């Protein structure tokens, strides 16, 4: 039996056997259907090119250069549009299938509409930039050892304002939207609320940290781990609780996540939740490839990230709020 992942965690026990029986047949079918999809797409493109050819021919009589331009541009546009559409449909079907199978194995719930969650705490703690429009791309929820958690893939956009001579913002149908965050938001719930708020922000150099400290409502929390301090700045409203929550073992886990995610990770303890954001422009649950090997790598990557989330929950379970 071919293994696609090392079963080095309890949560992965039996995953390779499960993959071979429940997922691999569909992956192989996608690979085998590739040429059928390409052939069907080719026929659709040829059908679309016929009216383009007629239009180009008619224009050629009047204006040869315009006719040739219509032929070339129309053929390219039709080919790209139809190839993209057919490919996207096949990949979306595979993505939904893989999500259902992984949710069954790990006892999770995938919500393609996006699980509802109030993201005010993310903005309040600065884990995401200010935004005007939010879209939840995918959602995942579950319970591990009695601890409820949720993971959302977010796309946040800010409205680009245009001002007139008087300095007033103009908003019209030509408003532009700028992506300010595209990544993952994770929520892990505690049974009791925290006494205060603890925020773990990325280090922004001495000058940047000094400016940021002036804008935040919490005090700087000094820790005894120089490596952690080199990458993060910690702020909190309860110094004792902040140090209690950020144990050496948990700081080590945060550092590992920070390094794996290329410095795009931030976190906070607020209310009764541990929340974190990963602004890495990555879509975590997409399965987009034609070769079985590439699809297997993507599925193994999703499984590893789910296990990493489990590891974080296990580490957090040892820490209960100081008060409350």
Protein backbone atom coordinates (compact mmCIF):
# COMPACT_ATOMS: atom_id res chain seq x y z
CA UNK A 1 0.00 0.00 0.00
CA UNK A 2 1.33 3.40 -0.98
CA UNK A 3 1.54 5.93 1.84
CA UNK A 4 0.84 9.61 1.19
CA UNK A 5 1.60 10.78 4.73
CA UNK A 6 3.63 9.65 7.73
CA UNK A 7 1.25 8.53 10.46
CA UNK A 8 3.33 10.08 13.23
CA UNK A 9 0.38 11.38 15.27
CA UNK A 10 -2.49 9.49 16.91
CA UNK A 11 -4.99 11.48 14.84
CA UNK A 12 -3.40 10.13 11.64
CA UNK A 13 -3.57 6.45 12.61
CA UNK A 14 -5.12 4.54 9.71
CA UNK A 15 -5.20 7.55 7.37
CA UNK A 16 -3.25 5.91 4.52
CA UNK A 17 -5.56 2.88 4.48
CA UNK A 18 -8.58 5.18 4.58
CA UNK A 19 -7.18 7.23 1.70
CA UNK A 20 -6.64 4.16 -0.48
CA UNK A 21 -10.18 2.84 0.00
CA UNK A 22 -12.24 6.05 0.25
CA UNK A 23 -10.39 8.77 -1.68
CA UNK A 24 -7.84 7.27 -4.11
CA UNK A 25 -10.45 5.83 -6.54
CA UNK A 26 -11.92 9.31 -7.07
CA UNK A 27 -8.46 10.88 -7.46
CA UNK A 28 -7.54 8.28 -10.11
CA UNK A 29 -10.83 8.92 -11.88
CA UNK A 30 -10.05 12.65 -12.04
CA UNK A 31 -6.66 11.87 -13.53
CA UNK A 32 -8.19 9.50 -16.10
CA UNK A 33 -10.94 11.97 -17.01
CA UNK A 34 -8.47 14.71 -17.77
CA UNK A 35 -8.25 13.90 -21.47
CA UNK A 36 -12.03 13.51 -21.74
CA UNK A 37 -12.49 16.98 -20.23
CA UNK A 38 -9.86 18.44 -22.54
CA UNK A 39 -11.51 16.83 -25.57
CA UNK A 40 -14.93 18.15 -24.57
CA UNK A 41 -13.47 21.61 -24.00
CA UNK A 42 -11.83 21.52 -27.44
CA UNK A 43 -15.19 20.75 -29.10
CA UNK A 44 -16.87 23.61 -27.22
CA UNK A 45 -14.09 26.00 -28.25
CA UNK A 46 -14.45 24.99 -31.90
CA UNK A 47 -18.21 25.62 -31.69
CA UNK A 48 -17.62 29.06 -30.15
CA UNK A 49 -15.03 30.00 -32.75
CA UNK A 50 -17.47 29.58 -35.67
CA UNK A 51 -19.45 32.79 -34.99
CA UNK A 52 -16.20 34.60 -34.18
CA UNK A 53 -14.84 33.51 -37.55
CA UNK A 54 -17.95 34.77 -39.30
CA UNK A 55 -17.70 38.14 -37.58
CA UNK A 56 -13.97 38.37 -38.28
CA UNK A 57 -14.53 37.51 -41.93
CA UNK A 58 -17.18 40.17 -42.32
CA UNK A 59 -14.93 42.78 -40.73
CA UNK A 60 -11.97 41.66 -42.83
CA UNK A 61 -13.78 42.74 -45.99
CA UNK A 62 -14.19 46.26 -44.62
CA UNK A 63 -11.07 46.52 -42.48
CA UNK A 64 -8.54 43.64 -42.78
CA UNK A 65 -6.57 44.57 -39.65
CA UNK A 66 -9.72 44.71 -37.51
CA UNK A 67 -10.93 41.39 -38.87
CA UNK A 68 -7.67 39.63 -38.05
CA UNK A 69 -7.64 41.19 -34.57
CA UNK A 70 -11.19 39.93 -33.88
CA UNK A 71 -10.27 36.43 -35.04
CA UNK A 72 -7.14 36.20 -32.91
CA UNK A 73 -8.47 37.87 -29.76
CA UNK A 74 -11.83 36.10 -29.94
CA UNK A 75 -10.26 32.67 -30.34
CA UNK A 76 -7.86 33.24 -27.45
CA UNK A 77 -10.60 34.60 -25.16
CA UNK A 78 -12.99 31.74 -25.91
CA UNK A 79 -10.27 29.14 -25.36
CA UNK A 80 -9.17 30.60 -22.04
CA UNK A 81 -12.71 31.09 -20.71
CA UNK A 82 -13.96 27.61 -21.53
CA UNK A 83 -10.80 25.85 -20.38
CA UNK A 84 -10.94 27.73 -17.09
CA UNK A 85 -14.63 26.99 -16.57
CA UNK A 86 -14.33 23.27 -17.23
CA UNK A 87 -11.21 22.96 -15.09
CA UNK A 88 -12.77 24.92 -12.22
CA UNK A 89 -15.88 22.71 -12.23
CA UNK A 90 -13.81 19.53 -12.07
CA UNK A 91 -11.64 20.88 -9.26
CA UNK A 92 -14.61 22.18 -7.26
CA UNK A 93 -16.28 18.77 -7.44
CA UNK A 94 -13.09 17.10 -6.24
CA UNK A 95 -12.66 19.68 -3.47
CA UNK A 96 -16.15 19.00 -2.12
CA UNK A 97 -15.58 15.25 -2.25
CA UNK A 98 -12.24 15.50 -0.41
CA UNK A 99 -13.73 17.79 2.22
CA UNK A 100 -16.52 15.31 2.91
CA UNK A 101 -14.07 12.41 3.24
CA UNK A 102 -11.63 14.30 5.47
CA UNK A 103 -14.45 15.55 7.68
CA UNK A 104 -15.63 11.98 8.11
CA UNK A 105 -12.13 10.73 9.03
CA UNK A 106 -11.32 13.52 11.50
CA UNK A 107 -14.92 13.88 12.75
CA UNK A 108 -15.23 17.48 11.57
CA UNK A 109 -17.82 19.54 9.75
CA UNK A 110 -16.91 21.40 6.56
CA UNK A 111 -19.20 24.29 5.72
CA UNK A 112 -18.76 25.52 2.16
CA UNK A 113 -20.95 28.53 2.86
CA UNK A 114 -18.68 29.56 5.72
CA UNK A 115 -19.56 29.08 9.36
CA UNK A 116 -21.01 32.20 10.91
CA UNK A 117 -18.75 33.96 13.39
CA UNK A 118 -18.52 37.49 14.73
CA UNK A 119 -15.05 38.71 13.73
CA UNK A 120 -15.17 41.85 15.85
CA UNK A 121 -12.57 40.43 18.26
CA UNK A 122 -10.09 40.06 15.40
CA UNK A 123 -10.38 43.70 14.49
CA UNK A 124 -10.36 44.81 18.16
CA UNK A 125 -7.07 43.01 18.85
CA UNK A 126 -5.49 44.01 15.52
CA UNK A 127 -5.20 40.44 14.25
CA UNK A 128 -6.69 41.62 10.96
CA UNK A 129 -6.49 45.09 9.37
CA UNK A 130 -9.51 47.38 9.17
CA UNK A 131 -11.82 46.27 6.39
CA UNK A 132 -15.11 47.22 4.76
CA UNK A 133 -16.09 43.94 3.15
CA UNK A 134 -15.72 40.36 4.41
CA UNK A 135 -16.15 37.08 2.58
CA UNK A 136 -15.86 33.66 4.21
CA UNK A 137 -14.50 31.28 1.57
CA UNK A 138 -14.68 28.06 3.58
CA UNK A 139 -15.33 26.99 7.13
CA UNK A 140 -14.45 24.05 9.33
CA UNK A 141 -15.79 23.28 12.80
CA UNK A 142 -15.31 20.48 15.26
CA UNK A 143 -14.82 19.40 18.84
CA UNK A 144 -11.67 17.82 20.24
CA UNK A 145 -11.72 16.40 23.76
CA UNK A 146 -14.68 18.60 24.58
CA UNK A 147 -13.10 21.78 23.14
CA UNK A 148 -15.03 23.44 20.32
CA UNK A 149 -13.04 25.09 17.52
CA UNK A 150 -13.62 26.69 14.15
CA UNK A 151 -11.38 27.60 11.24
CA UNK A 152 -12.39 30.06 8.53
CA UNK A 153 -10.74 31.08 5.28
CA UNK A 154 -11.30 34.81 4.92
CA UNK A 155 -10.98 37.42 2.21
CA UNK A 156 -11.11 40.95 3.64
CA UNK A 157 -11.19 44.06 1.48
CA UNK A 158 -11.01 47.78 2.17
CA UNK A 159 -12.71 50.39 0.04
CA UNK A 160 -10.32 52.67 -1.77
CA UNK A 161 -11.66 56.19 -1.35
CA UNK A 162 -11.35 59.01 -3.85
CA UNK A 163 -11.61 62.55 -2.52
CA UNK A 164 -12.76 65.69 -4.25
CA UNK A 165 -11.14 69.12 -3.97
CA UNK A 166 -12.97 69.73 -0.68
CA UNK A 167 -11.53 66.60 0.91
CA UNK A 168 -14.81 64.67 0.94
CA UNK A 169 -14.70 60.95 0.16
CA UNK A 170 -16.42 60.00 -3.06
CA UNK A 171 -18.06 56.60 -3.41
CA UNK A 172 -19.57 55.64 -6.72
CA UNK A 173 -20.00 52.64 -8.96
CA UNK A 174 -16.30 52.82 -9.84
CA UNK A 175 -15.22 52.23 -6.21
CA UNK A 176 -12.12 50.08 -6.02
CA UNK A 177 -11.61 47.34 -3.44
CA UNK A 178 -8.18 46.44 -2.09
CA UNK A 179 -7.40 43.08 -0.50
CA UNK A 180 -6.06 43.70 3.02
CA UNK A 181 -6.23 40.12 4.30
CA UNK A 182 -6.51 36.73 2.65
CA UNK A 183 -5.82 33.81 4.90
CA UNK A 184 -7.08 31.87 7.89
CA UNK A 185 -8.80 32.74 11.16
CA UNK A 186 -8.88 30.13 13.93
CA UNK A 187 -11.08 30.17 17.05
CA UNK A 188 -10.65 27.80 20.01
CA UNK A 189 -13.18 28.15 22.81
CA UNK A 190 -12.47 27.86 26.54
CA UNK A 191 -15.14 26.82 29.05
CA UNK A 192 -14.55 29.97 31.14
CA UNK A 193 -13.75 33.59 30.20
CA UNK A 194 -10.31 35.08 30.73
CA UNK A 195 -9.87 37.83 33.27
CA UNK A 196 -8.19 40.04 30.68
CA UNK A 197 -6.93 40.23 27.12
CA UNK A 198 -3.55 38.96 25.91
CA UNK A 199 -2.42 39.82 22.38
CA UNK A 200 0.56 38.31 20.54
CA UNK A 201 1.57 40.59 17.66
CA UNK A 202 4.37 40.26 15.13
CA UNK A 203 7.54 42.16 15.91
CA UNK A 204 7.81 45.35 13.83
CA UNK A 205 11.31 46.53 14.74
CA UNK A 206 12.10 48.86 17.63
CA UNK A 207 10.60 51.94 15.97
CA UNK A 208 7.49 50.12 14.76
CA UNK A 209 6.91 48.50 18.14
CA UNK A 210 7.23 51.86 19.91
CA UNK A 211 4.63 53.45 17.64
CA UNK A 212 2.29 50.47 17.97
CA UNK A 213 2.55 50.48 21.78
CA UNK A 214 1.22 54.05 21.82
CA UNK A 215 -1.92 53.03 19.92
CA UNK A 216 -2.83 49.94 21.95
CA UNK A 217 -4.92 49.95 25.15
CA UNK A 218 -2.82 47.22 26.81
CA UNK A 219 0.56 47.14 28.55
CA UNK A 220 3.66 45.51 27.15
CA UNK A 221 4.24 42.06 28.68
CA UNK A 222 7.89 41.10 29.12
CA UNK A 223 8.72 37.40 28.83
CA UNK A 224 11.84 35.41 29.61
CA UNK A 225 12.26 33.77 26.19
CA UNK A 226 14.62 35.92 24.05
CA UNK A 227 13.83 33.96 20.88
CA UNK A 228 10.11 34.49 21.33
CA UNK A 229 10.68 38.17 22.12
CA UNK A 230 12.70 38.51 18.93
CA UNK A 231 9.70 37.53 16.79
CA UNK A 232 6.70 38.72 18.81
CA UNK A 233 5.49 41.60 20.93
CA UNK A 234 3.02 40.65 23.68
CA UNK A 235 0.49 43.05 25.18
CA UNK A 236 -2.02 42.37 27.93
CA UNK A 237 -4.44 43.85 30.44
CA UNK A 238 -3.49 41.27 33.10
CA UNK A 239 0.25 40.67 33.37
CA UNK A 240 -0.12 37.63 35.65
CA UNK A 241 -2.60 35.89 33.38
CA UNK A 242 -0.59 36.67 30.25
CA UNK A 243 2.52 35.00 31.69
CA UNK A 244 0.43 32.09 32.96
CA UNK A 245 -1.01 31.45 29.50
CA UNK A 246 2.24 31.86 27.57
CA UNK A 247 4.19 28.94 29.01
CA UNK A 248 7.58 27.98 27.51
CA UNK A 249 5.98 24.97 25.80
CA UNK A 250 3.20 27.02 24.26
CA UNK A 251 5.59 29.78 23.15
CA UNK A 252 7.59 27.08 21.40
CA UNK A 253 4.47 26.01 19.50
CA UNK A 254 3.72 29.58 18.50
CA UNK A 255 7.28 30.02 17.27
CA UNK A 256 7.00 26.85 15.19
CA UNK A 257 3.79 28.09 13.62
CA UNK A 258 5.33 31.50 13.02
CA UNK A 259 8.31 29.95 11.21
CA UNK A 260 6.17 27.55 9.17
CA UNK A 261 3.85 30.33 8.08
CA UNK A 262 6.57 32.77 7.08
CA UNK A 263 5.96 35.45 9.72
CA UNK A 264 2.23 35.83 9.00
CA UNK A 265 0.89 34.58 12.34
CA UNK A 266 -0.70 36.57 15.21
CA UNK A 267 -2.87 35.47 18.16
CA UNK A 268 -4.89 36.64 21.16
CA UNK A 269 -6.67 35.38 24.26
CA UNK A 270 -9.90 37.35 24.60
CA UNK A 271 -13.27 36.70 26.31
CA UNK A 272 -13.39 32.89 26.43
CA UNK A 273 -11.50 32.28 23.18
CA UNK A 274 -8.04 31.83 21.79
CA UNK A 275 -8.05 33.36 18.31
CA UNK A 276 -5.30 33.56 15.71
CA UNK A 277 -4.91 34.83 12.17
CA UNK A 278 -2.64 33.74 9.34
CA UNK A 279 -2.37 36.30 6.53
CA UNK A 280 -0.49 34.20 3.99
CA UNK A 281 -2.70 34.44 0.85
CA UNK A 282 -3.13 30.67 1.02
CA UNK A 283 -6.30 28.70 0.34
CA UNK A 284 -5.98 25.76 2.68
CA UNK A 285 -8.73 23.45 1.47
CA UNK A 286 -8.29 23.78 -2.28
CA UNK A 287 -7.43 20.66 -4.28
CA UNK A 288 -6.35 21.86 -7.70
CA UNK A 289 -4.20 19.58 -9.80
CA UNK A 290 -4.50 16.92 -12.49
CA UNK A 291 -1.80 14.44 -11.47
CA UNK A 292 -2.54 11.95 -8.69
CA UNK A 293 0.78 12.76 -7.02
CA UNK A 294 0.05 16.49 -6.82
CA UNK A 295 -3.47 15.85 -5.48
CA UNK A 296 -2.10 13.45 -2.87
CA UNK A 297 0.42 16.07 -1.73
CA UNK A 298 -2.37 18.62 -1.31
CA UNK A 299 -4.58 16.20 0.63
CA UNK A 300 -1.67 15.24 2.88
CA UNK A 301 -1.00 18.93 3.48
CA UNK A 302 -4.61 19.51 4.59
CA UNK A 303 -4.40 16.50 6.93
CA UNK A 304 -1.15 17.81 8.47
CA UNK A 305 -2.67 21.25 9.07
CA UNK A 306 -5.68 19.67 10.80
CA UNK A 307 -3.29 17.73 13.04
CA UNK A 308 -1.34 20.91 13.76
CA UNK A 309 -4.61 22.50 14.89
CA UNK A 310 -5.26 19.48 17.11
CA UNK A 311 -1.78 19.86 18.65
CA UNK A 312 -2.50 23.49 19.47
CA UNK A 313 -5.82 22.58 21.09
CA UNK A 314 -4.11 19.90 23.17
CA UNK A 315 -1.53 22.41 24.37
CA UNK A 316 -4.21 24.99 25.19
CA UNK A 317 -6.33 22.49 27.11
CA UNK A 318 -3.73 22.50 29.87
CA UNK A 319 -4.28 26.21 30.43
CA UNK A 320 -7.51 27.40 32.01
CA UNK A 321 -8.32 31.04 32.72
CA UNK A 322 -6.84 32.31 35.98
CA UNK A 323 -10.12 33.78 37.17
CA UNK A 324 -13.72 33.41 36.22
